[in-house]
Every structure is written in C-alpha cells, then in structure tokens.
C-alpha cells in the first residue's frame, strides 16, 4: 500500500508541476503583453486600410491589363489563360490573408479557393470545347 501511495503522490506532483509551469509561462506572457506599448487602434486600422488600398490598386491594374487584351483581339484561349493566372495570384493572396487571420483564431472554411479554381478550369474547358 505504501508503494501505491507514493506512485499516486508522485503522479499528482508531476501533474501539478505541469499545471504550474503552464500557469507560470502564461503569467509571464501576460506580464509582457501588459508592459508593452499599446497599439493604437486608429493607426492599425489606417495601416490595414492603406494595405487594402494598395491591393485594390494592383487588382485594378490587372483588370486594365485584361481589358486591354480583350479589346486587343486576343484569342479566347489566351484570355482564359491570363484569367487563370490572375485567379492563381488572387488565390495566393487569399491564402496569405487566411493564414494571417488564422493566427488570430480565424478558421477558414474548407478549400474554398481551390474549389473556385476547379470551377474556373471546368468553365475554361467548356468554353474551349464549345468553339
């Protein structure tokens, strides 16, 4: 019975040690977070909006490029190829945004970007076959 009691006490001590180590590291992280200079919401919001504005400008440039190709009488296959490339770029940007948001607890829904690419490829094949 003495050996069994010692094992139970030893197991309890190990469990308590793990819990206390976690509490210690969490309290150190909290103290570090509290002692840091606060991030002003207004400046963070402004920076985020500026980045969105830059991305919008890039998307606008891509759209203008596609419009110039359409009016430049390129073939449908070439146009679809350029659209596919643009879709890949935007899918990578969306993946980067989702991974950044995941660090804040966001859980992306399935494989939405990949699903969109699959639909585009199928649509592209239908367009080429119907010609």
N, C-alpha and C. Protein backbone atom coordinates (compact mmCIF):
# COMPACT_ATOMS: atom_id res chain seq x y z
N UNK A 1 0.82 -1.19 0.00
CA UNK A 1 0.00 0.00 0.00
C UNK A 1 0.87 1.26 0.00
N UNK A 2 2.01 1.21 0.66
CA UNK A 2 2.89 2.37 0.72
C UNK A 2 3.43 2.74 -0.65
N UNK A 3 3.76 1.72 -1.47
CA UNK A 3 4.29 1.96 -2.81
C UNK A 3 3.24 2.58 -3.72
N UNK A 4 2.02 2.09 -3.58
CA UNK A 4 0.91 2.63 -4.37
C UNK A 4 0.66 4.09 -4.03
N UNK A 5 0.71 4.42 -2.75
CA UNK A 5 0.50 5.80 -2.28
C UNK A 5 1.61 6.70 -2.82
N UNK A 6 2.85 6.20 -2.80
CA UNK A 6 3.95 7.01 -3.31
C UNK A 6 3.80 7.28 -4.81
N UNK A 7 3.33 6.27 -5.57
CA UNK A 7 3.11 6.46 -7.00
C UNK A 7 2.01 7.49 -7.25
N UNK A 8 0.96 7.42 -6.47
CA UNK A 8 -0.13 8.40 -6.62
C UNK A 8 0.35 9.81 -6.31
N UNK A 9 1.11 9.94 -5.24
CA UNK A 9 1.64 11.26 -4.86
C UNK A 9 2.61 11.76 -5.93
N UNK A 10 3.43 10.86 -6.43
CA UNK A 10 4.38 11.24 -7.47
C UNK A 10 3.64 11.68 -8.74
N UNK A 11 2.60 10.96 -9.11
CA UNK A 11 1.80 11.32 -10.28
C UNK A 11 1.11 12.67 -10.08
N UNK A 12 0.58 12.89 -8.88
CA UNK A 12 -0.05 14.16 -8.55
C UNK A 12 0.97 15.30 -8.65
N UNK A 13 2.17 15.07 -8.13
CA UNK A 13 3.22 16.10 -8.19
C UNK A 13 3.60 16.43 -9.63
N UNK A 14 3.69 15.40 -10.46
CA UNK A 14 4.03 15.62 -11.87
C UNK A 14 2.93 16.42 -12.56
N UNK A 15 1.67 16.08 -12.29
CA UNK A 15 0.55 16.81 -12.88
C UNK A 15 0.53 18.26 -12.41
N UNK A 16 0.73 18.45 -11.11
CA UNK A 16 0.76 19.81 -10.57
C UNK A 16 1.92 20.61 -11.16
N UNK A 17 3.05 19.96 -11.34
CA UNK A 17 4.22 20.63 -11.91
C UNK A 17 3.90 21.14 -13.32
N UNK A 18 3.24 20.31 -14.12
CA UNK A 18 2.86 20.70 -15.48
C UNK A 18 1.90 21.88 -15.46
N UNK A 19 0.91 21.80 -14.59
CA UNK A 19 -0.08 22.89 -14.49
C UNK A 19 0.59 24.18 -14.02
N UNK A 20 1.46 24.08 -13.04
CA UNK A 20 2.14 25.27 -12.52
C UNK A 20 3.12 25.86 -13.53
N UNK A 21 3.80 25.02 -14.28
CA UNK A 21 4.69 25.52 -15.35
C UNK A 21 3.89 26.30 -16.38
N UNK A 22 2.74 25.75 -16.76
CA UNK A 22 1.88 26.44 -17.72
C UNK A 22 1.37 27.77 -17.14
N UNK A 23 0.95 27.75 -15.90
CA UNK A 23 0.47 28.99 -15.26
C UNK A 23 1.60 30.01 -15.18
N UNK A 24 2.82 29.55 -14.90
CA UNK A 24 3.97 30.45 -14.81
C UNK A 24 4.27 31.08 -16.17
N UNK A 25 4.31 30.27 -17.22
CA UNK A 25 4.60 30.82 -18.55
C UNK A 25 3.47 31.74 -19.02
N UNK A 26 2.23 31.37 -18.74
CA UNK A 26 1.10 32.22 -19.12
C UNK A 26 1.14 33.56 -18.39
N UNK A 27 1.48 33.54 -17.11
CA UNK A 27 1.54 34.80 -16.36
C UNK A 27 2.70 35.66 -16.84
N UNK A 28 3.84 35.04 -17.25
CA UNK A 28 4.94 35.82 -17.81
C UNK A 28 4.53 36.45 -19.14
N UNK A 29 3.83 35.68 -19.99
CA UNK A 29 3.35 36.22 -21.26
C UNK A 29 2.38 37.37 -21.04
N UNK A 30 1.49 37.22 -20.06
CA UNK A 30 0.53 38.28 -19.75
C UNK A 30 1.26 39.52 -19.25
N UNK A 31 2.24 39.34 -18.38
CA UNK A 31 3.00 40.49 -17.87
C UNK A 31 3.74 41.19 -19.02
N UNK A 32 4.30 40.41 -19.95
CA UNK A 32 4.98 41.00 -21.11
C UNK A 32 3.99 41.79 -21.96
N UNK A 33 2.81 41.21 -22.19
CA UNK A 33 1.80 41.87 -23.02
C UNK A 33 1.32 43.16 -22.37
N UNK A 34 1.16 43.14 -21.05
CA UNK A 34 0.68 44.33 -20.34
C UNK A 34 1.75 45.42 -20.33
N UNK A 35 3.02 45.02 -20.28
CA UNK A 35 4.09 46.01 -20.20
C UNK A 35 4.45 46.61 -21.56
N UNK A 36 4.00 45.99 -22.66
CA UNK A 36 4.28 46.54 -23.98
C UNK A 36 3.51 47.83 -24.22
N UNK A 37 4.08 48.64 -25.12
CA UNK A 37 3.40 49.87 -25.51
C UNK A 37 2.13 49.49 -26.28
N UNK A 38 1.01 50.09 -25.97
CA UNK A 38 -0.24 49.71 -26.65
C UNK A 38 -0.22 50.11 -28.12
N UNK A 39 -0.89 49.29 -28.92
CA UNK A 39 -1.06 49.61 -30.34
C UNK A 39 -2.34 50.42 -30.46
N UNK A 40 -2.21 51.60 -31.02
CA UNK A 40 -3.39 52.44 -31.16
C UNK A 40 -4.25 51.89 -32.28
N UNK A 41 -5.51 51.69 -32.00
CA UNK A 41 -6.43 51.10 -32.96
C UNK A 41 -6.51 51.93 -34.23
N UNK A 42 -6.46 53.23 -34.07
CA UNK A 42 -6.58 54.10 -35.24
C UNK A 42 -5.41 53.88 -36.20
N UNK A 43 -4.18 53.79 -35.68
CA UNK A 43 -3.03 53.60 -36.56
C UNK A 43 -3.05 52.22 -37.19
N UNK A 44 -3.47 51.20 -36.45
CA UNK A 44 -3.55 49.86 -37.01
C UNK A 44 -4.62 49.80 -38.10
N UNK A 45 -5.73 50.46 -37.87
CA UNK A 45 -6.80 50.50 -38.86
C UNK A 45 -6.35 51.23 -40.11
N UNK A 46 -5.65 52.34 -39.92
CA UNK A 46 -5.15 53.11 -41.06
C UNK A 46 -4.17 52.29 -41.88
N UNK A 47 -3.27 51.59 -41.20
CA UNK A 47 -2.29 50.76 -41.91
C UNK A 47 -2.99 49.65 -42.69
N UNK A 48 -3.99 49.04 -42.08
CA UNK A 48 -4.74 47.98 -42.76
C UNK A 48 -5.45 48.52 -44.00
N UNK A 49 -6.09 49.67 -43.86
CA UNK A 49 -6.80 50.26 -44.98
C UNK A 49 -5.84 50.69 -46.10
N UNK A 50 -4.66 51.17 -45.72
CA UNK A 50 -3.67 51.53 -46.74
C UNK A 50 -3.22 50.29 -47.51
N UNK A 51 -3.03 49.18 -46.81
CA UNK A 51 -2.64 47.95 -47.49
C UNK A 51 -3.75 47.48 -48.42
N UNK A 52 -5.00 47.55 -47.96
CA UNK A 52 -6.11 47.19 -48.83
C UNK A 52 -6.17 48.09 -50.06
N UNK A 53 -5.87 49.36 -49.87
CA UNK A 53 -5.89 50.29 -51.00
C UNK A 53 -4.81 49.92 -52.02
N UNK A 54 -3.62 49.53 -51.53
CA UNK A 54 -2.55 49.10 -52.45
C UNK A 54 -2.97 47.84 -53.19
N UNK A 55 -3.59 46.90 -52.50
CA UNK A 55 -4.05 45.68 -53.15
C UNK A 55 -5.13 45.98 -54.18
N UNK A 56 -5.99 46.93 -53.85
CA UNK A 56 -7.04 47.32 -54.80
C UNK A 56 -6.42 47.94 -56.04
N UNK A 57 -5.38 48.72 -55.86
CA UNK A 57 -4.69 49.32 -57.00
C UNK A 57 -4.06 48.25 -57.89
N UNK A 58 -3.48 47.23 -57.26
CA UNK A 58 -2.89 46.14 -58.03
C UNK A 58 -3.96 45.37 -58.80
N UNK A 59 -5.10 45.14 -58.15
CA UNK A 59 -6.20 44.43 -58.81
C UNK A 59 -6.73 45.27 -59.98
N UNK A 60 -6.79 46.58 -59.79
CA UNK A 60 -7.24 47.47 -60.86
C UNK A 60 -6.29 47.42 -62.05
N UNK A 61 -4.99 47.35 -61.78
CA UNK A 61 -4.01 47.25 -62.87
C UNK A 61 -4.19 45.94 -63.63
N UNK A 62 -4.42 44.86 -62.90
CA UNK A 62 -4.65 43.57 -63.56
C UNK A 62 -5.91 43.62 -64.41
N UNK A 63 -6.95 44.26 -63.90
CA UNK A 63 -8.19 44.38 -64.66
C UNK A 63 -7.98 45.20 -65.93
N UNK A 64 -7.24 46.29 -65.82
CA UNK A 64 -6.95 47.09 -67.00
C UNK A 64 -6.16 46.28 -68.03
N UNK A 65 -5.24 45.47 -67.54
CA UNK A 65 -4.45 44.62 -68.44
C UNK A 65 -5.36 43.64 -69.17
N UNK A 66 -6.29 43.02 -68.44
CA UNK A 66 -7.24 42.09 -69.06
C UNK A 66 -8.14 42.80 -70.07
N UNK A 67 -8.60 44.00 -69.72
CA UNK A 67 -9.44 44.76 -70.65
C UNK A 67 -8.69 45.09 -71.94
N UNK A 68 -7.42 45.46 -71.79
CA UNK A 68 -6.64 45.79 -72.99
C UNK A 68 -6.45 44.56 -73.86
N UNK A 69 -6.34 43.38 -73.25
CA UNK A 69 -6.21 42.16 -74.03
C UNK A 69 -7.51 41.84 -74.76
N UNK A 70 -8.63 42.08 -74.10
CA UNK A 70 -9.93 41.79 -74.72
C UNK A 70 -10.12 42.69 -75.94
N UNK A 71 -9.84 43.97 -75.77
CA UNK A 71 -10.02 44.89 -76.88
C UNK A 71 -8.88 44.80 -77.88
N UNK A 72 -7.79 44.13 -77.51
CA UNK A 72 -6.67 43.94 -78.42
C UNK A 72 -6.87 42.71 -79.29
N UNK A 73 -8.04 42.10 -79.26
CA UNK A 73 -8.40 40.96 -80.09
C UNK A 73 -7.50 39.74 -79.87
N UNK A 74 -7.26 39.40 -78.60
CA UNK A 74 -6.52 38.17 -78.31
C UNK A 74 -7.47 36.99 -78.42
N UNK A 75 -6.92 35.82 -78.53
CA UNK A 75 -7.76 34.62 -78.65
C UNK A 75 -8.41 34.32 -77.30
N UNK A 76 -9.49 33.58 -77.37
CA UNK A 76 -10.21 33.21 -76.15
C UNK A 76 -9.32 32.37 -75.24
N UNK A 77 -8.55 31.46 -75.83
CA UNK A 77 -7.67 30.61 -75.03
C UNK A 77 -6.63 31.44 -74.29
N UNK A 78 -6.08 32.45 -74.99
CA UNK A 78 -5.08 33.31 -74.35
C UNK A 78 -5.71 34.12 -73.22
N UNK A 79 -6.90 34.63 -73.47
CA UNK A 79 -7.61 35.40 -72.44
C UNK A 79 -7.91 34.52 -71.23
N UNK A 80 -8.38 33.30 -71.49
CA UNK A 80 -8.67 32.39 -70.38
C UNK A 80 -7.40 32.03 -69.61
N UNK A 81 -6.31 31.90 -70.33
CA UNK A 81 -5.03 31.62 -69.66
C UNK A 81 -4.62 32.75 -68.73
N UNK A 82 -4.79 33.99 -69.21
CA UNK A 82 -4.46 35.15 -68.37
C UNK A 82 -5.40 35.23 -67.16
N UNK A 83 -6.67 34.91 -67.38
CA UNK A 83 -7.62 34.91 -66.27
C UNK A 83 -7.22 33.86 -65.23
N UNK A 84 -6.79 32.70 -65.72
CA UNK A 84 -6.35 31.64 -64.80
C UNK A 84 -5.14 32.08 -63.99
N UNK A 85 -4.20 32.79 -64.63
CA UNK A 85 -3.02 33.29 -63.92
C UNK A 85 -3.44 34.31 -62.86
N UNK A 86 -4.35 35.21 -63.23
CA UNK A 86 -4.83 36.20 -62.26
C UNK A 86 -5.54 35.52 -61.10
N UNK A 87 -6.31 34.48 -61.40
CA UNK A 87 -7.02 33.75 -60.35
C UNK A 87 -6.02 33.10 -59.40
N UNK A 88 -4.94 32.55 -59.95
CA UNK A 88 -3.91 31.94 -59.09
C UNK A 88 -3.28 32.98 -58.17
N UNK A 89 -3.00 34.18 -58.71
CA UNK A 89 -2.41 35.24 -57.89
C UNK A 89 -3.36 35.62 -56.75
N UNK A 90 -4.64 35.81 -57.09
CA UNK A 90 -5.60 36.20 -56.06
C UNK A 90 -5.83 35.07 -55.06
N UNK A 91 -5.76 33.83 -55.50
CA UNK A 91 -5.90 32.70 -54.58
C UNK A 91 -4.73 32.68 -53.59
N UNK A 92 -3.52 32.97 -54.10
CA UNK A 92 -2.36 33.03 -53.18
C UNK A 92 -2.52 34.15 -52.18
N UNK A 93 -3.02 35.32 -52.64
CA UNK A 93 -3.26 36.43 -51.71
C UNK A 93 -4.31 36.04 -50.67
N UNK A 94 -5.38 35.40 -51.11
CA UNK A 94 -6.43 34.97 -50.18
C UNK A 94 -5.88 33.97 -49.18
N UNK A 95 -5.03 33.04 -49.63
CA UNK A 95 -4.43 32.08 -48.71
C UNK A 95 -3.54 32.78 -47.69
N UNK A 96 -2.79 33.78 -48.15
CA UNK A 96 -1.92 34.53 -47.23
C UNK A 96 -2.76 35.28 -46.19
N UNK A 97 -3.85 35.87 -46.64
CA UNK A 97 -4.72 36.60 -45.70
C UNK A 97 -5.34 35.62 -44.70
N UNK A 98 -5.82 34.46 -45.20
CA UNK A 98 -6.42 33.48 -44.29
C UNK A 98 -5.40 32.97 -43.28
N UNK A 99 -4.17 32.72 -43.71
CA UNK A 99 -3.17 32.21 -42.77
C UNK A 99 -2.83 33.28 -41.73
N UNK A 100 -2.82 34.56 -42.13
CA UNK A 100 -2.57 35.64 -41.17
C UNK A 100 -3.73 35.73 -40.17
N UNK A 101 -4.95 35.63 -40.69
CA UNK A 101 -6.12 35.70 -39.81
C UNK A 101 -6.20 34.47 -38.89
N UNK A 102 -5.66 33.35 -39.35
CA UNK A 102 -5.67 32.13 -38.53
C UNK A 102 -4.87 32.33 -37.25
N UNK A 103 -3.84 33.19 -37.31
CA UNK A 103 -3.07 33.45 -36.10
C UNK A 103 -3.90 34.21 -35.06
N UNK A 104 -5.03 34.77 -35.50
CA UNK A 104 -5.94 35.46 -34.58
C UNK A 104 -7.15 34.60 -34.23
N UNK A 105 -7.13 33.32 -34.65
CA UNK A 105 -8.22 32.42 -34.30
C UNK A 105 -9.21 32.15 -35.41
N UNK A 106 -9.03 32.76 -36.57
CA UNK A 106 -9.94 32.54 -37.70
C UNK A 106 -9.77 31.12 -38.23
N UNK A 107 -10.88 30.46 -38.51
CA UNK A 107 -10.85 29.12 -39.07
C UNK A 107 -11.42 29.18 -40.48
N UNK A 108 -10.53 29.05 -41.50
CA UNK A 108 -11.02 29.14 -42.88
C UNK A 108 -11.95 27.99 -43.23
N UNK A 109 -12.98 28.27 -44.04
CA UNK A 109 -13.94 27.22 -44.40
C UNK A 109 -13.41 26.32 -45.52
N UNK A 110 -13.04 25.12 -45.23
CA UNK A 110 -12.65 24.12 -46.22
C UNK A 110 -11.62 24.60 -47.21
N UNK A 111 -11.81 24.27 -48.48
CA UNK A 111 -10.89 24.65 -49.54
C UNK A 111 -11.61 25.52 -50.56
N UNK A 112 -12.15 26.63 -50.10
CA UNK A 112 -12.96 27.49 -50.97
C UNK A 112 -12.16 28.00 -52.15
N UNK A 113 -10.91 28.43 -51.95
CA UNK A 113 -10.10 28.94 -53.05
C UNK A 113 -9.84 27.87 -54.08
N UNK A 114 -9.49 26.68 -53.65
CA UNK A 114 -9.24 25.58 -54.58
C UNK A 114 -10.50 25.22 -55.34
N UNK A 115 -11.64 25.28 -54.67
CA UNK A 115 -12.92 24.98 -55.31
C UNK A 115 -13.19 25.99 -56.42
N UNK A 116 -12.89 27.25 -56.20
CA UNK A 116 -13.10 28.28 -57.20
C UNK A 116 -12.19 28.02 -58.41
N UNK A 117 -10.95 27.61 -58.15
CA UNK A 117 -10.03 27.33 -59.24
C UNK A 117 -10.52 26.13 -60.06
N UNK A 118 -11.03 25.12 -59.41
CA UNK A 118 -11.55 23.95 -60.11
C UNK A 118 -12.73 24.35 -61.00
N UNK A 119 -13.64 25.18 -60.47
CA UNK A 119 -14.78 25.65 -61.26
C UNK A 119 -14.31 26.44 -62.47
N UNK A 120 -13.27 27.28 -62.27
CA UNK A 120 -12.76 28.07 -63.38
C UNK A 120 -12.17 27.17 -64.46
N UNK A 121 -11.41 26.16 -64.05
CA UNK A 121 -10.80 25.24 -65.03
C UNK A 121 -11.89 24.51 -65.81
N UNK A 122 -12.93 24.05 -65.14
CA UNK A 122 -14.02 23.36 -65.83
C UNK A 122 -14.74 24.30 -66.79
N UNK A 123 -14.98 25.53 -66.35
CA UNK A 123 -15.63 26.51 -67.21
C UNK A 123 -14.75 26.82 -68.42
N UNK A 124 -13.43 26.92 -68.18
CA UNK A 124 -12.48 27.19 -69.26
C UNK A 124 -12.52 26.07 -70.30
N UNK A 125 -12.57 24.82 -69.84
CA UNK A 125 -12.62 23.70 -70.76
C UNK A 125 -13.91 23.72 -71.57
N UNK A 126 -15.03 24.06 -70.93
CA UNK A 126 -16.31 24.11 -71.64
C UNK A 126 -16.27 25.18 -72.72
N UNK A 127 -15.67 26.33 -72.41
CA UNK A 127 -15.58 27.42 -73.40
C UNK A 127 -14.76 27.00 -74.60
N UNK A 128 -13.64 26.34 -74.35
CA UNK A 128 -12.77 25.92 -75.44
C UNK A 128 -13.43 24.84 -76.28
N UNK A 129 -14.12 23.89 -75.62
CA UNK A 129 -14.78 22.81 -76.35
C UNK A 129 -15.97 23.31 -77.17
N UNK A 130 -16.63 24.36 -76.73
CA UNK A 130 -17.81 24.85 -77.44
C UNK A 130 -17.44 25.66 -78.68
N UNK A 131 -16.17 25.96 -78.85
CA UNK A 131 -15.74 26.76 -80.03
C UNK A 131 -15.67 25.93 -81.24
